Protein backbone atom coordinates (compact mmCIF):
# COMPACT_ATOMS: atom_id res chain seq x y z
CA MET A 1 1.11 7.52 -6.94
CA ASP A 2 3.77 6.97 -4.87
CA GLY A 3 6.26 3.91 -3.81
CA ALA A 4 3.69 2.86 -0.82
CA THR A 5 0.83 1.95 -3.27
CA PHE A 6 0.09 -1.31 -4.67
CA ARG A 7 -2.82 -3.50 -6.07
CA VAL A 8 -4.47 -6.37 -4.25
CA GLU A 9 -6.28 -9.24 -5.91
CA GLU A 10 -9.43 -9.09 -4.06
CA PHE A 11 -11.26 -5.80 -4.24
CA TRP A 12 -11.77 -3.84 -1.14
CA GLN A 13 -15.10 -2.55 -0.16
CA TRP A 14 -15.45 1.03 2.04
CA GLU A 15 -18.18 3.23 2.60
CA GLY A 16 -20.05 2.43 -0.44
CA GLU A 17 -16.79 2.36 -2.68
CA ASN A 18 -14.68 -0.55 -3.75
CA GLY A 19 -11.27 -0.89 -5.70
CA ASN A 20 -8.01 -2.81 -5.70
CA LEU A 21 -5.40 -0.07 -5.10
CA VAL A 22 -4.10 0.54 -1.83
CA ARG A 23 -1.71 2.83 -0.19
CA ILE A 24 -0.06 1.82 3.10
CA ARG A 25 -0.80 4.56 5.81
CA GLY A 26 1.98 6.65 6.98
CA GLN A 27 4.63 5.53 4.60
CA GLY A 28 6.51 8.70 3.15
CA THR A 29 7.54 7.14 -0.10
CA PRO A 30 8.82 9.12 -3.18
CA GLY A 31 6.04 9.58 -5.82
CA GLU A 32 6.17 8.06 -9.39
CA GLY A 33 8.88 10.21 -11.52
CA GLN A 34 10.86 11.20 -8.49
CA PRO A 35 14.30 9.91 -7.70
CA GLY A 36 14.08 6.74 -5.68
CA PHE A 37 10.37 5.84 -6.64
CA GLY A 38 11.82 2.79 -8.75
CA GLU A 39 13.82 1.18 -5.88
CA VAL A 40 11.27 1.68 -3.16
CA LYS A 41 8.24 0.22 -5.61
CA LEU A 42 10.55 -2.65 -6.43
CA ARG A 43 11.48 -3.55 -2.69
CA LEU A 44 7.82 -3.23 -1.71
CA MET A 45 6.64 -5.44 -4.89
CA GLN A 46 9.47 -7.97 -4.00
CA ARG A 47 8.04 -8.18 -0.27
CA LEU A 48 4.39 -8.54 -1.33
CA PHE A 49 3.85 -9.81 -4.70
CA GLY A 50 1.79 -12.86 -4.33
CA GLU A 51 1.57 -12.64 -0.52
CA ARG A 52 -1.71 -12.35 1.70
CA VAL A 53 -1.90 -8.93 3.47
CA THR A 54 -4.39 -7.97 5.62
CA LEU A 55 -6.28 -4.48 5.39
CA GLU A 56 -7.45 -2.58 8.47
CA ASN A 57 -8.30 0.73 9.83
CA PRO A 58 -9.29 2.65 6.59
CA ARG A 59 -8.75 6.23 6.83
CA ARG A 60 -9.68 7.67 3.27
CA ILE A 61 -9.61 7.25 -0.32
CA ASP A 62 -6.83 9.05 -2.01
CA PRO A 63 -6.92 11.19 -5.00
CA ASP A 64 -5.60 8.04 -7.05
CA GLY A 65 -8.47 6.13 -5.53
CA ALA A 66 -6.45 3.84 -3.40
CA LEU A 67 -7.80 3.04 0.02
CA VAL A 68 -5.53 4.45 2.56
CA CYS A 69 -5.23 2.15 5.61
CA ASP A 70 -3.08 -0.12 7.73
CA VAL A 71 -1.37 -3.24 5.79
CA TYR A 72 -0.44 -6.08 7.70
CA HIS A 73 1.73 -8.72 6.18
CA GLN A 74 2.63 -12.09 8.11
CA GLY A 75 1.49 -10.27 11.41
CA GLN A 76 3.47 -7.15 10.95
CA ASN A 77 1.96 -3.55 10.45
CA LEU A 78 3.39 -2.07 7.40
CA THR A 79 2.54 1.28 8.61
CA GLU A 80 4.96 0.82 11.51
CA SER A 81 7.81 -0.73 9.48
CA SER A 82 10.04 -0.13 6.47
CA CYS A 83 9.62 -1.81 3.25
CA ASP A 84 13.36 -2.39 3.54
CA ASN A 85 13.05 -5.54 5.48
């Protein structure tokens, strides 16, 4: 799991599978146990905790069971932006 992976309250459904783990497509972030992981993960959680997101353009389910897709928050595509904002 990496710093661009998070859980959503409502389960997603895609190609016969479902879950609540999501990975933001296109975000290259440190993996768990790597330097910077905690900081990146904290910024993502501060930005998204309790917020509504929209999941679009699912690509695949990664080995951790996360749906890899575009994630929108307040109309902004997080795939195209940094979680630093």
